[in-house]
Amino acid sequence: MRVLVHELSHALRVGYDEYGRDVAEVIVETATVIVCGSIGLDTSGESIPYITGWGEQDLDAIRRHAARVDEIARALETVCGVGS
C-alpha cells in the first residue's frame, strides 16, 4: 500500500524535473506517511529512513514544501474517501 500511495503522489506532478530527485522523493514520501496514517497504516518504520536518506542533503525540504505535501495528501485522501 505504501509504495502505491508513493507512486500515486509522483503522478500528481511531483517529478524529478520539477523538484530534483532528492526533494521529489522527500515530498512524495512525506505525503505517503500522512495518507497511510489517515487510514491507520503506520509506515514510519519504512518511511522515516527513506525520507531521511533522500533529505540528508536538504534538511529543510519538508518545511519549504509543506504546502505541496499537504495538497498531495489531501487530494489522495479525497479520492480514497478518508481524512478530514
N, C-alpha and C. Protein backbone atom coordinates (compact mmCIF):
# COMPACT_ATOMS: atom_id res chain seq x y z
N MET A 1 0.82 -1.19 0.00
CA MET A 1 0.00 0.00 0.00
C MET A 1 0.87 1.26 0.00
N ARG A 2 1.93 1.26 0.80
CA ARG A 2 2.81 2.42 0.90
C ARG A 2 3.42 2.76 -0.45
N VAL A 3 3.88 1.78 -1.18
CA VAL A 3 4.51 2.03 -2.48
C VAL A 3 3.48 2.56 -3.47
N LEU A 4 2.27 2.04 -3.42
CA LEU A 4 1.21 2.52 -4.30
C LEU A 4 0.92 3.99 -4.03
N VAL A 5 0.75 4.36 -2.78
CA VAL A 5 0.49 5.77 -2.43
C VAL A 5 1.67 6.63 -2.85
N HIS A 6 2.87 6.16 -2.63
CA HIS A 6 4.09 6.89 -3.03
C HIS A 6 4.07 7.17 -4.53
N GLU A 7 3.80 6.16 -5.32
CA GLU A 7 3.81 6.33 -6.79
C GLU A 7 2.64 7.20 -7.26
N LEU A 8 1.49 7.09 -6.61
CA LEU A 8 0.37 7.98 -6.94
C LEU A 8 0.73 9.43 -6.64
N SER A 9 1.49 9.65 -5.60
CA SER A 9 1.94 11.01 -5.27
C SER A 9 2.82 11.57 -6.39
N HIS A 10 3.69 10.74 -6.92
CA HIS A 10 4.50 11.18 -8.07
C HIS A 10 3.61 11.54 -9.25
N ALA A 11 2.55 10.78 -9.43
CA ALA A 11 1.64 11.02 -10.55
C ALA A 11 0.92 12.37 -10.45
N LEU A 12 0.91 12.94 -9.25
CA LEU A 12 0.29 14.26 -9.06
C LEU A 12 1.31 15.37 -9.31
N ARG A 13 2.11 15.19 -10.32
CA ARG A 13 3.08 16.18 -10.80
C ARG A 13 4.18 16.51 -9.79
N VAL A 14 4.72 15.48 -9.21
CA VAL A 14 5.89 15.66 -8.36
C VAL A 14 7.01 14.81 -8.97
N GLY A 15 7.61 15.37 -9.99
CA GLY A 15 8.65 14.64 -10.70
C GLY A 15 10.03 15.20 -10.45
N TYR A 16 10.99 14.51 -10.99
CA TYR A 16 12.39 14.89 -10.81
C TYR A 16 12.71 16.18 -11.56
N ASP A 17 12.06 16.41 -12.69
CA ASP A 17 12.32 17.62 -13.46
C ASP A 17 11.92 18.87 -12.68
N GLU A 18 10.79 18.79 -11.99
CA GLU A 18 10.29 19.95 -11.25
C GLU A 18 11.06 20.22 -9.96
N TYR A 19 11.42 19.17 -9.24
CA TYR A 19 11.96 19.32 -7.89
C TYR A 19 13.37 18.77 -7.70
N GLY A 20 13.86 18.01 -8.64
CA GLY A 20 15.09 17.25 -8.43
C GLY A 20 14.72 15.96 -7.72
N ARG A 21 15.53 14.93 -7.90
CA ARG A 21 15.18 13.63 -7.35
C ARG A 21 15.08 13.63 -5.82
N ASP A 22 16.07 14.19 -5.15
CA ASP A 22 16.09 14.17 -3.68
C ASP A 22 14.85 14.81 -3.08
N VAL A 23 14.52 16.02 -3.53
CA VAL A 23 13.38 16.74 -2.97
C VAL A 23 12.07 16.08 -3.37
N ALA A 24 11.96 15.61 -4.61
CA ALA A 24 10.73 14.93 -5.04
C ALA A 24 10.45 13.71 -4.17
N GLU A 25 11.47 12.93 -3.86
CA GLU A 25 11.29 11.75 -3.02
C GLU A 25 10.87 12.13 -1.60
N VAL A 26 11.44 13.21 -1.07
CA VAL A 26 11.05 13.67 0.26
C VAL A 26 9.59 14.11 0.26
N ILE A 27 9.18 14.87 -0.75
CA ILE A 27 7.80 15.36 -0.84
C ILE A 27 6.82 14.21 -0.90
N VAL A 28 7.03 13.28 -1.83
CA VAL A 28 6.03 12.22 -2.01
C VAL A 28 6.00 11.25 -0.84
N GLU A 29 7.15 10.96 -0.24
CA GLU A 29 7.12 10.02 0.89
C GLU A 29 6.52 10.66 2.13
N THR A 30 6.71 11.95 2.30
CA THR A 30 6.08 12.65 3.42
C THR A 30 4.57 12.64 3.24
N ALA A 31 4.09 12.88 2.03
CA ALA A 31 2.66 12.79 1.75
C ALA A 31 2.16 11.37 1.98
N THR A 32 2.97 10.40 1.64
CA THR A 32 2.61 8.99 1.83
C THR A 32 2.39 8.67 3.31
N VAL A 33 3.26 9.18 4.17
CA VAL A 33 3.11 8.96 5.62
C VAL A 33 1.76 9.49 6.09
N ILE A 34 1.40 10.68 5.62
CA ILE A 34 0.14 11.30 6.03
C ILE A 34 -1.06 10.49 5.55
N VAL A 35 -1.05 10.12 4.28
CA VAL A 35 -2.19 9.39 3.70
C VAL A 35 -2.32 8.02 4.35
N CYS A 36 -1.24 7.30 4.46
CA CYS A 36 -1.30 5.97 5.08
C CYS A 36 -1.73 6.08 6.55
N GLY A 37 -1.24 7.09 7.24
CA GLY A 37 -1.65 7.30 8.63
C GLY A 37 -3.13 7.56 8.76
N SER A 38 -3.71 8.24 7.78
CA SER A 38 -5.13 8.56 7.86
C SER A 38 -6.02 7.32 7.70
N ILE A 39 -5.46 6.25 7.18
CA ILE A 39 -6.22 5.00 7.09
C ILE A 39 -5.75 3.98 8.12
N GLY A 40 -4.92 4.44 9.06
CA GLY A 40 -4.49 3.58 10.15
C GLY A 40 -3.28 2.72 9.85
N LEU A 41 -2.56 3.03 8.80
CA LEU A 41 -1.38 2.24 8.43
C LEU A 41 -0.12 3.01 8.84
N ASP A 42 0.62 2.47 9.78
CA ASP A 42 1.85 3.10 10.24
C ASP A 42 3.00 2.68 9.34
N THR A 43 3.49 3.61 8.55
CA THR A 43 4.61 3.33 7.64
C THR A 43 5.91 3.93 8.13
N SER A 44 5.93 4.43 9.35
CA SER A 44 7.11 5.15 9.84
C SER A 44 8.38 4.30 9.81
N GLY A 45 8.26 3.01 10.04
CA GLY A 45 9.44 2.14 10.02
C GLY A 45 10.15 2.13 8.68
N GLU A 46 9.40 2.26 7.60
CA GLU A 46 9.98 2.32 6.26
C GLU A 46 10.16 3.75 5.80
N SER A 47 9.19 4.59 6.10
CA SER A 47 9.17 5.95 5.55
C SER A 47 10.18 6.89 6.16
N ILE A 48 10.37 6.83 7.46
CA ILE A 48 11.30 7.77 8.10
C ILE A 48 12.72 7.56 7.59
N PRO A 49 13.23 6.33 7.54
CA PRO A 49 14.58 6.16 6.98
C PRO A 49 14.65 6.58 5.50
N TYR A 50 13.57 6.34 4.76
CA TYR A 50 13.54 6.71 3.35
C TYR A 50 13.63 8.23 3.20
N ILE A 51 12.81 8.94 3.96
CA ILE A 51 12.82 10.41 3.91
C ILE A 51 14.18 10.95 4.36
N THR A 52 14.69 10.39 5.43
CA THR A 52 15.98 10.83 5.95
C THR A 52 17.09 10.60 4.93
N GLY A 53 17.07 9.46 4.28
CA GLY A 53 18.09 9.16 3.28
C GLY A 53 18.08 10.13 2.12
N TRP A 54 16.89 10.43 1.59
CA TRP A 54 16.79 11.36 0.46
C TRP A 54 16.96 12.80 0.90
N GLY A 55 16.61 13.12 2.13
CA GLY A 55 16.63 14.50 2.57
C GLY A 55 17.88 14.96 3.28
N GLU A 56 18.84 14.07 3.45
CA GLU A 56 20.01 14.43 4.24
C GLU A 56 20.82 15.59 3.65
N GLN A 57 20.72 15.81 2.36
CA GLN A 57 21.43 16.94 1.75
C GLN A 57 20.63 18.23 1.82
N ASP A 58 19.34 18.11 2.14
CA ASP A 58 18.46 19.29 2.18
C ASP A 58 17.49 19.13 3.33
N LEU A 59 17.96 19.40 4.52
CA LEU A 59 17.18 19.14 5.72
C LEU A 59 15.93 19.99 5.85
N ASP A 60 15.83 21.07 5.10
CA ASP A 60 14.68 21.96 5.19
C ASP A 60 13.64 21.70 4.10
N ALA A 61 13.81 20.64 3.32
CA ALA A 61 12.91 20.38 2.19
C ALA A 61 11.46 20.21 2.62
N ILE A 62 11.21 19.50 3.70
CA ILE A 62 9.83 19.28 4.14
C ILE A 62 9.18 20.60 4.51
N ARG A 63 9.89 21.42 5.23
CA ARG A 63 9.34 22.71 5.63
C ARG A 63 9.03 23.60 4.41
N ARG A 64 9.97 23.66 3.48
CA ARG A 64 9.78 24.50 2.29
C ARG A 64 8.62 24.03 1.42
N HIS A 65 8.40 22.72 1.41
CA HIS A 65 7.39 22.16 0.52
C HIS A 65 6.17 21.63 1.28
N ALA A 66 5.97 22.09 2.51
CA ALA A 66 4.87 21.60 3.34
C ALA A 66 3.51 21.81 2.68
N ALA A 67 3.31 22.93 2.03
CA ALA A 67 2.02 23.19 1.38
C ALA A 67 1.78 22.19 0.25
N ARG A 68 2.82 21.86 -0.50
CA ARG A 68 2.69 20.88 -1.59
C ARG A 68 2.43 19.49 -1.02
N VAL A 69 3.12 19.13 0.05
CA VAL A 69 2.89 17.84 0.70
C VAL A 69 1.43 17.75 1.15
N ASP A 70 0.93 18.79 1.78
CA ASP A 70 -0.46 18.81 2.26
C ASP A 70 -1.43 18.71 1.09
N GLU A 71 -1.16 19.42 0.02
CA GLU A 71 -2.03 19.38 -1.17
C GLU A 71 -2.11 17.96 -1.74
N ILE A 72 -0.99 17.29 -1.84
CA ILE A 72 -0.97 15.92 -2.36
C ILE A 72 -1.72 14.98 -1.43
N ALA A 73 -1.43 15.07 -0.14
CA ALA A 73 -2.08 14.19 0.84
C ALA A 73 -3.59 14.38 0.82
N ARG A 74 -4.04 15.62 0.80
CA ARG A 74 -5.48 15.89 0.79
C ARG A 74 -6.14 15.38 -0.49
N ALA A 75 -5.47 15.54 -1.61
CA ALA A 75 -6.02 15.04 -2.88
C ALA A 75 -6.18 13.53 -2.85
N LEU A 76 -5.18 12.83 -2.36
CA LEU A 76 -5.26 11.36 -2.31
C LEU A 76 -6.28 10.90 -1.28
N GLU A 77 -6.36 11.59 -0.15
CA GLU A 77 -7.36 11.24 0.86
C GLU A 77 -8.78 11.44 0.32
N THR A 78 -8.96 12.51 -0.43
CA THR A 78 -10.28 12.77 -1.02
C THR A 78 -10.68 11.68 -2.00
N VAL A 79 -9.74 11.29 -2.84
CA VAL A 79 -10.02 10.23 -3.81
C VAL A 79 -10.36 8.92 -3.10
N CYS A 80 -9.68 8.67 -1.97
CA CYS A 80 -9.89 7.43 -1.22
C CYS A 80 -11.07 7.53 -0.24
N GLY A 81 -11.60 8.73 -0.07
CA GLY A 81 -12.73 8.91 0.84
C GLY A 81 -12.34 8.86 2.31
N VAL A 82 -11.13 9.31 2.64
CA VAL A 82 -10.67 9.34 4.03
C VAL A 82 -10.15 10.72 4.38
N GLY A 83 -9.80 10.91 5.62
CA GLY A 83 -9.23 12.18 6.07
C GLY A 83 -10.30 13.12 6.55
N SER A 84 -9.86 14.32 6.91
CA SER A 84 -10.81 15.29 7.46
C SER A 84 -11.42 16.16 6.41
